[in-house]
Amino acid sequence: MKYRLLIAFAFISTLSFAQSKEGYWDNVRTTNETLHLKAGERKYIKSADLPVGTTEVVYRITLLDDNQKISGSLVSILKSIPDPTGISQGSAGAIFLASTITGDDKCKYALFTSATDADNYIKTSKAVNACIIQDTPVNKEAKLLSTSSKCLDNNAKNIWFAFQSDNWVMNQKVVLEVVPWVDNKLSSGWNADTKKELLNICNNFPLTKSITKKDLFCGYFLEGVTQRYSYKQFSSLLAVEKIKLYNEVSEQALIKTGDKDAFTTIARNNISQLVASNKKQEAINLLQTEIIDKGQATAADYNTVASFYLFSKQFDKAKKFLDAGIQKDSIDLNLQLTLAHWFLFNNELSQAKDIHRKYELQNINATTTWVQQTKADFKQFEKLGFPTDDFKKILRIFGDN
């Protein structure tokens, strides 16, 4: 065992409860149990649940007869020790972790990390898989367990203390006290294993696969999530809450990596997929929340929304987004064509004609002319039941009869 502590105890009443920047003695989640053993009997005590972030545990075992009492609890002793290192160094003078009163009774004991192994010890007296075995009978014991001990391996939740009476005739009373030291950083529950779990989530994002600074992005992503939530809180989030969290943290991570446009690119790809699946309203909602509301919209984005509202005969909404798009780029031809359609269906034929005359000889994009796109749009409007009386008036501008 790392430390064997002496049998005297000097209580210093002037010192306050010990905490430090590194951690604290948890005086709430302690174990303080009394066990009565018949001669030769074996029993065990399960410790209270060890809090997340436990890196050390101090335990004290005291054997008493019925008329003896312990003069000071283990928690009160630890109040005067600033950290687990102080236990061995004798912080603030001579502080020793043991009972001032013990009887002549003695017992053997063993520590286990599972109830199954503790049960087996009770039934057979064989300390299989014990993390500590004390085969020499003692009447008192006080020790510190650290993470180097097998008793605290694998994020142990509890420790089982199994005792065997060494008396041949008389009953005995065993008092067990256990106090954990909680590391402030680890108390959030984010350790190497839980962080790897979060990094796996990040690495599987379609967004992550599309950017160049993947490791840096996931590093910032990890930082963003762990600063907002403990691991327990994060695990309790609903699926929709996690999606919202991922989006928010991803956006901030992209800004820090200088690759914020990647998030917008992914959003536009998702929008295109929704449109292809005829989920236009969902596409528009996504475009609004993920691009427009975040100040990332281009003239093309505004035209996408305006076109949707125009084709669904929501003319006021269409005009709102047309105006916003034209402020972004007044010569974007897709916007200008949508604006011409809006004038056509809002009894402003002359303004629609002016736009068509202005751009009829130009191309909408590298492969599509203004005239071709106008005719394609007219066919779509006709299918949707729009009035077609003025279509011929526009087509005459192009030389069609």
Protein backbone atom coordinates (compact mmCIF):
# COMPACT_ATOMS: atom_id res chain seq x y z
CA MET A 1 0.00 0.00 0.00
CA LYS A 2 1.28 3.47 -0.88
CA TYR A 3 0.89 4.92 2.61
CA ARG A 4 0.73 3.24 6.04
CA LEU A 5 -0.56 5.77 8.49
CA LEU A 6 0.21 5.93 12.20
CA ILE A 7 -2.13 5.23 15.09
CA ALA A 8 -2.38 8.63 16.79
CA PHE A 9 -4.50 11.57 15.79
CA ALA A 10 -4.03 15.27 16.67
CA PHE A 11 -7.18 17.23 15.86
CA ILE A 12 -6.61 20.89 14.92
CA SER A 13 -9.85 22.79 15.43
CA THR A 14 -8.74 26.13 13.97
CA LEU A 15 -8.38 24.88 10.42
CA SER A 16 -11.27 25.13 7.96
CA PHE A 17 -12.64 22.51 5.61
CA ALA A 18 -10.00 21.63 3.05
CA GLN A 19 -10.43 22.48 -0.58
CA SER A 20 -8.01 23.56 -3.27
CA LYS A 21 -8.03 24.55 -6.89
CA GLU A 22 -7.25 20.93 -7.75
CA GLY A 23 -10.16 19.36 -5.87
CA TYR A 24 -11.85 18.71 -2.54
CA TRP A 25 -12.67 16.07 0.05
CA ASP A 26 -16.29 15.12 -0.59
CA ASN A 27 -17.89 15.21 2.85
CA VAL A 28 -21.34 14.38 1.42
CA ARG A 29 -20.72 11.14 -0.45
CA THR A 30 -18.89 9.37 2.35
CA THR A 31 -19.30 5.95 3.88
CA ASN A 32 -19.71 5.61 7.64
CA GLU A 33 -20.96 2.14 8.53
CA THR A 34 -20.81 -0.08 11.57
CA LEU A 35 -20.68 -3.84 11.13
CA HIS A 36 -21.32 -6.38 13.89
CA LEU A 37 -19.44 -9.67 13.51
CA LYS A 38 -19.89 -12.86 15.44
CA ALA A 39 -16.84 -14.92 16.28
CA GLY A 40 -15.25 -16.11 13.02
CA GLU A 41 -18.01 -14.53 10.89
CA ARG A 42 -17.43 -12.84 7.49
CA LYS A 43 -19.45 -9.88 6.16
CA TYR A 44 -18.92 -7.01 3.77
CA ILE A 45 -19.89 -3.35 3.40
CA LYS A 46 -20.43 -1.71 0.03
CA SER A 47 -19.11 1.85 -0.07
CA ALA A 48 -21.30 4.76 -1.07
CA ASP A 49 -21.13 5.57 -4.78
CA LEU A 50 -17.82 7.23 -5.55
CA PRO A 51 -18.41 10.60 -7.23
CA VAL A 52 -17.25 11.19 -10.80
CA GLY A 53 -13.69 12.50 -10.71
CA THR A 54 -12.57 10.50 -7.65
CA THR A 55 -8.79 10.11 -7.82
CA GLU A 56 -8.03 9.17 -4.20
CA VAL A 57 -9.91 7.50 -1.37
CA VAL A 58 -9.02 7.47 2.31
CA TYR A 59 -10.49 4.70 4.43
CA ARG A 60 -10.28 3.98 8.12
CA ILE A 61 -11.17 0.75 9.90
CA THR A 62 -11.62 0.69 13.69
CA LEU A 63 -12.57 -2.27 15.89
CA LEU A 64 -14.44 -1.46 19.09
CA ASP A 65 -16.28 -3.19 21.84
CA ASP A 66 -19.82 -2.09 22.74
CA ASN A 67 -18.70 0.58 25.22
CA GLN A 68 -16.10 2.33 23.05
CA LYS A 69 -16.61 5.30 20.74
CA ILE A 70 -14.48 7.00 18.12
CA SER A 71 -13.40 10.46 19.29
CA GLY A 72 -13.37 12.12 15.85
CA SER A 73 -14.81 11.19 12.47
CA LEU A 74 -12.58 10.70 9.45
CA VAL A 75 -14.31 13.61 7.67
CA SER A 76 -13.44 15.97 10.53
CA ILE A 77 -9.81 14.89 10.33
CA LEU A 78 -9.65 15.48 6.59
CA LYS A 79 -11.01 19.00 7.04
CA SER A 80 -7.51 20.10 7.98
CA ILE A 81 -5.77 18.49 5.01
CA PRO A 82 -5.70 20.51 1.76
CA ASP A 83 -5.17 17.60 -0.62
CA PRO A 84 -4.33 13.87 -0.67
CA THR A 85 -0.58 14.62 -0.80
CA GLY A 86 -0.93 16.30 2.59
CA ILE A 87 -1.92 13.00 4.15
CA SER A 88 1.57 11.67 3.75
CA GLN A 89 3.34 14.98 4.37
CA GLY A 90 1.57 15.82 7.63
CA SER A 91 -0.14 19.02 6.58
CA ALA A 92 -0.35 21.78 9.20
CA GLY A 93 1.60 19.79 11.72
CA ALA A 94 1.21 16.31 13.11
CA ILE A 95 -2.01 14.93 11.66
CA PHE A 96 -2.41 11.20 11.72
CA LEU A 97 -5.33 9.22 10.37
CA ALA A 98 -6.32 6.60 12.89
CA SER A 99 -8.56 6.08 15.90
CA THR A 100 -7.55 7.14 19.37
CA ILE A 101 -9.52 4.25 20.74
CA THR A 102 -9.31 0.63 19.71
CA GLY A 103 -9.92 -2.55 21.56
CA ASP A 104 -8.09 -5.83 21.60
CA ASP A 105 -10.39 -7.31 18.94
CA LYS A 106 -8.85 -7.92 15.53
CA CYS A 107 -10.05 -8.83 12.06
CA LYS A 108 -8.79 -9.64 8.59
CA TYR A 109 -10.15 -7.80 5.61
CA ALA A 110 -10.02 -7.57 1.81
CA LEU A 111 -11.17 -4.99 -0.74
CA PHE A 112 -12.99 -5.84 -3.97
CA THR A 113 -14.31 -3.93 -6.96
CA SER A 114 -17.34 -6.19 -7.53
CA ALA A 115 -20.13 -7.65 -5.41
CA THR A 116 -19.57 -11.08 -6.97
CA ASP A 117 -16.00 -11.30 -5.69
CA ALA A 118 -17.02 -9.99 -2.27
CA ASP A 119 -19.80 -12.61 -2.06
CA ASN A 120 -17.32 -15.31 -2.99
CA TYR A 121 -15.01 -14.20 -0.17
CA ILE A 122 -17.86 -14.34 2.33
CA LYS A 123 -18.75 -17.88 1.23
CA THR A 124 -15.27 -19.36 0.78
CA SER A 125 -12.81 -17.01 2.56
CA LYS A 126 -10.85 -16.94 -0.71
CA ALA A 127 -9.91 -13.40 -1.72
CA VAL A 128 -10.03 -14.02 -5.46
CA ASN A 129 -9.60 -10.76 -7.47
CA ALA A 130 -9.14 -8.73 -4.32
CA CYS A 131 -7.41 -5.40 -4.90
CA ILE A 132 -6.12 -5.36 -1.30
CA ILE A 133 -5.74 -8.29 1.10
CA GLN A 134 -4.96 -7.92 4.80
CA ASP A 135 -4.31 -11.46 6.05
CA THR A 136 -2.63 -10.35 9.25
CA PRO A 137 -5.37 -9.50 11.77
CA VAL A 138 -5.49 -5.83 12.75
CA ASN A 139 -7.49 -3.81 15.27
CA LYS A 140 -7.23 -0.56 13.29
CA GLU A 141 -6.19 0.56 9.83
CA ALA A 142 -6.09 3.83 7.86
CA LYS A 143 -4.89 4.04 4.28
CA LEU A 144 -4.97 6.13 1.13
CA LEU A 145 -5.91 4.58 -2.22
CA SER A 146 -4.90 6.41 -5.38
CA THR A 147 -5.60 5.76 -9.04
CA SER A 148 -2.46 3.61 -9.15
CA SER A 149 -4.35 1.12 -6.96
CA LYS A 150 -6.38 -1.61 -8.63
CA CYS A 151 -9.23 -0.61 -6.32
CA LEU A 152 -9.75 2.59 -8.34
CA ASP A 153 -9.08 1.12 -11.78
CA ASN A 154 -11.57 1.42 -14.64
CA ASN A 155 -13.55 4.28 -13.13
CA ALA A 156 -14.68 2.22 -10.14
CA LYS A 157 -18.13 3.16 -8.85
CA ASN A 158 -17.92 1.39 -5.49
CA ILE A 159 -15.53 -0.56 -3.30
CA TRP A 160 -16.61 -3.62 -1.31
CA PHE A 161 -14.91 -3.98 2.10
CA ALA A 162 -15.09 -7.58 3.31
CA PHE A 163 -14.21 -8.45 6.93
CA GLN A 164 -13.52 -11.69 8.80
CA SER A 165 -13.59 -11.72 12.59
CA ASP A 166 -10.44 -13.01 14.25
CA ASN A 167 -12.22 -13.61 17.55
CA TRP A 168 -12.81 -17.18 18.66
CA VAL A 169 -15.49 -16.44 21.25
CA MET A 170 -16.65 -12.80 21.52
CA ASN A 171 -18.58 -10.66 19.07
CA GLN A 172 -16.91 -7.54 17.66
CA LYS A 173 -17.88 -4.24 16.11
CA VAL A 174 -16.15 -2.89 12.97
CA VAL A 175 -16.48 0.79 12.06
CA LEU A 176 -15.68 1.66 8.43
CA GLU A 177 -15.23 5.23 7.16
CA VAL A 178 -14.50 6.09 3.53
CA VAL A 179 -13.95 9.61 2.14
CA PRO A 180 -13.23 10.32 -1.56
CA TRP A 181 -11.05 13.10 -2.98
CA VAL A 182 -12.63 14.63 -6.11
CA ASP A 183 -10.46 16.15 -8.82
CA ASN A 184 -12.18 19.32 -10.10
CA LYS A 185 -11.22 18.76 -13.74
CA LEU A 186 -12.27 15.13 -13.79
CA SER A 187 -15.51 15.72 -11.89
CA SER A 188 -17.16 16.79 -15.16
CA GLY A 189 -16.93 13.17 -16.31
CA TRP A 190 -14.87 14.04 -19.38
CA ASN A 191 -11.95 11.63 -19.30
CA ALA A 192 -9.94 10.03 -22.10
CA ASP A 193 -12.64 7.45 -22.88
CA THR A 194 -15.61 9.84 -22.88
CA LYS A 195 -13.68 12.38 -24.96
CA LYS A 196 -12.90 9.68 -27.54
CA GLU A 197 -16.63 8.98 -27.71
CA LEU A 198 -17.26 12.63 -28.58
CA LEU A 199 -14.41 12.72 -31.11
CA ASN A 200 -15.90 9.70 -32.89
CA ILE A 201 -19.16 11.63 -33.25
CA CYS A 202 -17.27 14.60 -34.70
CA ASN A 203 -15.27 12.50 -37.15
CA ASN A 204 -18.46 10.95 -38.54
CA PHE A 205 -20.08 14.28 -39.42
CA PRO A 206 -20.46 14.79 -43.20
CA LEU A 207 -19.21 18.30 -42.46
CA THR A 208 -15.94 17.01 -41.02
CA LYS A 209 -15.23 14.99 -44.14
CA SER A 210 -15.57 18.09 -46.31
CA ILE A 211 -13.04 20.31 -44.52
CA THR A 212 -9.25 20.32 -44.55
CA LYS A 213 -8.49 21.08 -40.90
CA LYS A 214 -10.33 18.05 -39.52
CA ASP A 215 -8.26 17.53 -36.35
CA LEU A 216 -8.31 21.21 -35.43
CA PHE A 217 -12.05 21.38 -36.06
CA CYS A 218 -12.77 18.35 -33.86
CA GLY A 219 -10.49 19.77 -31.17
CA TYR A 220 -12.55 22.95 -31.03
CA PHE A 221 -15.75 20.88 -31.22
CA LEU A 222 -14.62 18.82 -28.22
CA GLU A 223 -13.76 21.97 -26.31
CA GLY A 224 -17.12 23.55 -27.09
CA VAL A 225 -19.20 20.58 -25.88
CA THR A 226 -17.16 19.84 -22.73
CA GLN A 227 -17.26 23.47 -21.62
CA ARG A 228 -21.05 23.57 -21.86
CA TYR A 229 -22.00 20.25 -20.28
CA SER A 230 -20.70 17.58 -17.95
CA TYR A 231 -20.65 14.11 -19.46
CA LYS A 232 -23.70 13.13 -17.42
CA GLN A 233 -25.63 16.19 -18.62
CA PHE A 234 -24.57 15.58 -22.21
CA SER A 235 -25.67 11.93 -22.06
CA SER A 236 -29.10 13.02 -20.78
CA LEU A 237 -29.81 15.34 -23.70
CA LEU A 238 -32.58 14.36 -26.11
CA ALA A 239 -31.62 13.60 -29.71
CA VAL A 240 -33.05 16.91 -30.95
CA GLU A 241 -31.12 18.77 -28.23
CA LYS A 242 -27.89 17.09 -29.27
CA ILE A 243 -28.45 18.03 -32.92
CA LYS A 244 -28.95 21.66 -31.92
CA LEU A 245 -25.82 21.52 -29.76
CA TYR A 246 -23.76 19.96 -32.57
CA ASN A 247 -24.85 22.66 -35.02
CA GLU A 248 -24.04 25.50 -32.63
CA VAL A 249 -20.67 24.11 -31.55
CA SER A 250 -19.72 23.15 -35.12
CA GLU A 251 -20.39 26.66 -36.34
CA GLN A 252 -18.18 28.15 -33.63
CA ALA A 253 -15.46 25.59 -34.34
CA LEU A 254 -15.51 26.47 -38.06
CA ILE A 255 -15.14 30.15 -37.26
CA LYS A 256 -12.11 29.38 -35.07
CA THR A 257 -10.50 27.27 -37.80
CA GLY A 258 -11.19 29.96 -40.40
CA ASP A 259 -13.35 27.58 -42.43
CA LYS A 260 -16.83 28.90 -41.64
CA ASP A 261 -17.95 28.63 -45.30
CA ALA A 262 -17.85 24.82 -45.04
CA PHE A 263 -20.89 24.80 -42.76
CA THR A 264 -22.85 26.86 -45.28
CA THR A 265 -21.81 24.51 -48.08
CA ILE A 266 -23.13 21.51 -46.18
CA ALA A 267 -26.38 23.36 -45.44
CA ARG A 268 -26.84 24.14 -49.14
CA ASN A 269 -26.24 20.49 -50.05
CA ASN A 270 -28.90 19.46 -47.54
CA ILE A 271 -31.27 22.06 -49.00
CA SER A 272 -30.71 20.71 -52.51
CA GLN A 273 -31.51 17.19 -51.32
CA LEU A 274 -34.73 18.39 -49.71
CA VAL A 275 -35.76 20.18 -52.90
CA ALA A 276 -35.00 17.05 -54.95
CA SER A 277 -37.23 15.08 -52.55
CA ASN A 278 -40.03 17.64 -53.09
CA LYS A 279 -39.70 18.84 -49.49
CA LYS A 280 -39.54 22.46 -50.49
CA GLN A 281 -40.97 23.95 -47.31
CA GLU A 282 -38.39 22.05 -45.22
CA ALA A 283 -35.70 23.26 -47.62
CA ILE A 284 -36.82 26.88 -47.26
CA ASN A 285 -36.95 26.57 -43.47
CA LEU A 286 -33.42 25.19 -43.42
CA LEU A 287 -32.18 27.90 -45.77
CA GLN A 288 -33.78 30.54 -43.56
CA THR A 289 -32.35 29.29 -40.25
CA GLU A 290 -28.96 28.01 -41.35
CA ILE A 291 -27.99 30.55 -44.01
CA ILE A 292 -30.11 33.70 -44.09
CA ASP A 293 -30.53 34.15 -40.33
CA LYS A 294 -26.78 33.63 -39.87
CA GLY A 295 -25.90 36.34 -42.39
CA GLN A 296 -24.40 33.91 -44.91
CA ALA A 297 -26.98 34.32 -47.70
CA THR A 298 -26.03 35.17 -51.29
CA ALA A 299 -28.24 36.61 -54.00
CA ALA A 300 -28.82 33.04 -55.21
CA ASP A 301 -30.08 32.03 -51.76
CA TYR A 302 -32.59 34.87 -51.71
CA ASN A 303 -33.70 33.92 -55.21
CA THR A 304 -34.28 30.32 -54.11
CA VAL A 305 -36.63 31.46 -51.35
CA ALA A 306 -38.33 34.08 -53.52
CA SER A 307 -38.92 31.53 -56.30
CA PHE A 308 -40.46 29.08 -53.85
CA TYR A 309 -42.89 31.68 -52.58
CA LEU A 310 -43.66 32.88 -56.11
CA PHE A 311 -44.41 29.39 -57.45
CA SER A 312 -46.61 28.77 -54.36
CA LYS A 313 -48.46 32.07 -55.01
CA GLN A 314 -47.21 33.74 -51.82
CA PHE A 315 -46.49 36.97 -53.62
CA ASP A 316 -45.85 39.29 -50.65
CA LYS A 317 -43.25 36.94 -49.18
CA ALA A 318 -41.67 36.51 -52.61
CA LYS A 319 -41.26 40.27 -52.99
CA LYS A 320 -39.67 40.57 -49.58
CA PHE A 321 -36.89 38.15 -50.49
CA LEU A 322 -36.53 39.56 -54.00
CA ASP A 323 -35.83 42.99 -52.54
CA ALA A 324 -33.30 41.56 -50.08
CA GLY A 325 -31.57 39.62 -52.86
CA ILE A 326 -31.38 42.61 -55.21
CA GLN A 327 -29.74 44.60 -52.42
CA LYS A 328 -27.07 41.90 -52.38
CA ASP A 329 -26.62 41.77 -56.17
CA SER A 330 -28.78 43.95 -58.39
CA ILE A 331 -27.58 42.35 -61.64
CA ASP A 332 -28.05 38.70 -60.69
CA LEU A 333 -30.05 37.46 -63.69
CA ASN A 334 -31.88 34.71 -61.82
CA LEU A 335 -33.19 37.32 -59.41
CA GLN A 336 -34.10 39.65 -62.28
CA LEU A 337 -36.06 36.91 -64.05
CA THR A 338 -37.94 36.03 -60.85
CA LEU A 339 -38.67 39.72 -60.38
CA ALA A 340 -40.05 39.91 -63.96
CA HIS A 341 -42.36 36.98 -63.17
CA TRP A 342 -43.50 38.73 -59.99
CA PHE A 343 -44.42 41.87 -61.96
CA LEU A 344 -46.27 39.70 -64.49
CA PHE A 345 -48.51 38.12 -61.86
CA ASN A 346 -49.07 41.38 -59.98
CA ASN A 347 -50.60 43.32 -62.92
CA GLU A 348 -47.44 45.28 -63.69
CA LEU A 349 -46.92 43.99 -67.23
CA SER A 350 -44.99 47.01 -68.47
CA GLN A 351 -42.29 46.59 -65.79
CA ALA A 352 -42.06 42.88 -66.58
CA LYS A 353 -41.56 43.71 -70.29
CA ASP A 354 -38.83 46.23 -69.44
CA ILE A 355 -36.81 43.57 -67.61
CA HIS A 356 -37.24 41.02 -70.43
CA ARG A 357 -36.15 43.55 -73.06
CA LYS A 358 -33.10 44.44 -70.99
CA TYR A 359 -31.81 40.89 -70.56
CA GLU A 360 -33.30 38.86 -73.45
CA LEU A 361 -29.96 38.49 -75.23
CA GLN A 362 -28.06 37.35 -72.16
CA ASN A 363 -27.51 33.95 -70.54
CA ILE A 364 -28.86 32.99 -67.11
CA ASN A 365 -25.84 30.73 -66.64
CA ALA A 366 -23.15 29.13 -68.81
CA THR A 367 -25.59 26.78 -70.59
CA THR A 368 -29.02 28.41 -70.34
CA THR A 369 -30.20 31.56 -72.10
CA TRP A 370 -32.63 34.07 -70.64
CA VAL A 371 -35.22 33.08 -73.23
CA GLN A 372 -34.86 29.35 -72.57
CA GLN A 373 -35.32 29.80 -68.82
CA THR A 374 -38.30 32.09 -69.31
CA LYS A 375 -40.07 29.52 -71.50
CA ALA A 376 -39.27 26.71 -69.04
CA ASP A 377 -40.70 28.77 -66.17
CA PHE A 378 -43.85 29.57 -68.15
CA LYS A 379 -44.48 25.84 -68.68
CA GLN A 380 -44.12 25.23 -64.94
CA PHE A 381 -46.47 28.12 -64.11
CA GLU A 382 -49.04 26.70 -66.55
CA LYS A 383 -48.91 23.29 -64.83
CA LEU A 384 -49.49 24.99 -61.50
CA GLY A 385 -52.60 26.79 -62.77
CA PHE A 386 -51.23 30.32 -63.08
CA PRO A 387 -52.99 32.71 -65.51
CA THR A 388 -51.28 32.47 -68.92
CA ASP A 389 -52.96 35.35 -70.82
CA ASP A 390 -49.88 37.58 -70.67
CA PHE A 391 -47.33 34.88 -71.57
CA LYS A 392 -47.73 35.55 -75.31
CA LYS A 393 -47.14 39.26 -74.76
CA ILE A 394 -43.79 38.44 -73.18
CA LEU A 395 -42.86 35.84 -75.82
CA ARG A 396 -43.46 38.39 -78.60
CA ILE A 397 -40.54 40.36 -77.18
CA PHE A 398 -38.38 37.36 -78.12
CA GLY A 399 -39.86 37.25 -81.64
CA ASP A 400 -42.27 34.37 -80.86
CA ASN A 401 -45.84 34.62 -82.23
